[in-house]
Amino acid sequence: MPALRQARIPRLQPDAVMEDRLETLETKMMSAEDQLDELNRTVWRQQQEIDLLREHLRQLAQQLKTMQPGGANRPEDEIPPHW
């Protein structure tokens, strides 16, 4: 039975291992910061749109309050009587 040969894995020095781990963490942190910045921009844009929609809704509600059911709002909007 042939003996199994173990693959030789190069052993990194403790400083090299720590450097690799640090580089990996820095890369992940940069990616997380980029994603956070993009999310912040998205939330800001959405808030701007929400504010605009709220203002439009407020204006529409105000218009609704000033309308009289079944009648015209201004004299020039009234239909003249038929003779």
Protein backbone atom coordinates (compact mmCIF):
# COMPACT_ATOMS: atom_id res chain seq x y z
CA MET A 1 0.00 0.00 0.00
CA PRO A 2 1.57 3.27 -1.08
CA ALA A 3 2.02 5.85 1.60
CA LEU A 4 -0.14 8.93 1.29
CA ARG A 5 1.88 11.94 0.54
CA GLN A 6 0.90 15.04 2.41
CA ALA A 7 0.82 18.24 0.47
CA ARG A 8 3.22 20.77 1.78
CA ILE A 9 1.47 23.92 2.78
CA PRO A 10 3.84 26.80 3.18
CA ARG A 11 3.73 28.05 6.72
CA LEU A 12 3.44 31.79 6.89
CA GLN A 13 5.28 33.67 9.52
CA PRO A 14 3.06 35.07 12.29
CA ASP A 15 3.66 38.63 11.03
CA ALA A 16 2.67 37.64 7.49
CA VAL A 17 -0.50 35.94 8.74
CA MET A 18 -1.41 39.01 10.75
CA GLU A 19 -0.69 41.26 7.75
CA ASP A 20 -2.95 39.13 5.53
CA ARG A 21 -5.74 39.23 8.10
CA LEU A 22 -5.37 42.97 8.51
CA GLU A 23 -5.48 43.52 4.75
CA THR A 24 -8.61 41.36 4.48
CA LEU A 25 -10.31 43.34 7.25
CA GLU A 26 -9.35 46.66 5.69
CA THR A 27 -10.76 45.55 2.35
CA LYS A 28 -14.03 44.46 3.95
CA MET A 29 -14.25 47.72 5.90
CA MET A 30 -13.74 49.82 2.75
CA SER A 31 -16.48 47.86 1.01
CA ALA A 32 -18.82 48.31 3.98
CA GLU A 33 -18.11 52.06 4.03
CA ASP A 34 -18.89 52.32 0.30
CA GLN A 35 -22.15 50.44 0.79
CA LEU A 36 -23.08 52.63 3.75
CA ASP A 37 -22.40 55.79 1.73
CA GLU A 38 -24.60 54.52 -1.10
CA LEU A 39 -27.39 53.64 1.35
CA ASN A 40 -27.15 57.09 2.92
CA ARG A 41 -27.49 58.72 -0.51
CA THR A 42 -30.48 56.52 -1.30
CA VAL A 43 -32.19 57.36 2.00
CA TRP A 44 -31.52 61.08 1.42
CA ARG A 45 -33.05 60.94 -2.09
CA GLN A 46 -36.06 59.04 -0.79
CA GLN A 47 -36.57 61.57 2.00
CA GLN A 48 -36.49 64.41 -0.54
CA GLU A 49 -39.16 62.63 -2.56
CA ILE A 50 -41.27 61.96 0.55
CA ASP A 51 -41.07 65.64 1.51
CA LEU A 52 -42.17 66.67 -1.98
CA LEU A 53 -45.07 64.21 -1.96
CA ARG A 54 -46.16 65.42 1.48
CA GLU A 55 -46.23 69.00 0.22
CA HIS A 56 -48.30 67.96 -2.81
CA LEU A 57 -50.67 66.06 -0.54
CA ARG A 58 -50.99 69.08 1.74
CA GLN A 59 -51.82 71.29 -1.25
CA LEU A 60 -54.40 68.82 -2.53
CA ALA A 61 -56.00 68.57 0.90
CA GLN A 62 -56.19 72.37 1.06
CA GLN A 63 -57.82 72.48 -2.38
CA LEU A 64 -60.35 69.86 -1.28
CA LYS A 65 -61.26 71.90 1.79
CA THR A 66 -61.96 74.98 -0.32
CA MET A 67 -64.19 73.11 -2.77
CA GLN A 68 -67.93 73.21 -2.19
CA PRO A 69 -69.73 69.98 -3.01
CA GLY A 70 -71.97 70.29 -6.04
CA GLY A 71 -71.16 73.92 -6.74
CA ALA A 72 -68.59 76.05 -8.46
CA ASN A 73 -65.89 77.79 -6.46
CA ARG A 74 -65.68 81.05 -8.40
CA PRO A 75 -68.40 83.10 -10.06
CA GLU A 76 -66.72 82.81 -13.44
CA ASP A 77 -66.94 79.00 -13.10
CA GLU A 78 -70.72 79.08 -12.67
CA ILE A 79 -72.89 77.99 -15.54
CA PRO A 80 -75.28 80.79 -16.64
CA PRO A 81 -78.99 80.05 -16.31
CA HIS A 82 -80.86 78.98 -19.44
CA TRP A 83 -83.83 81.21 -20.58
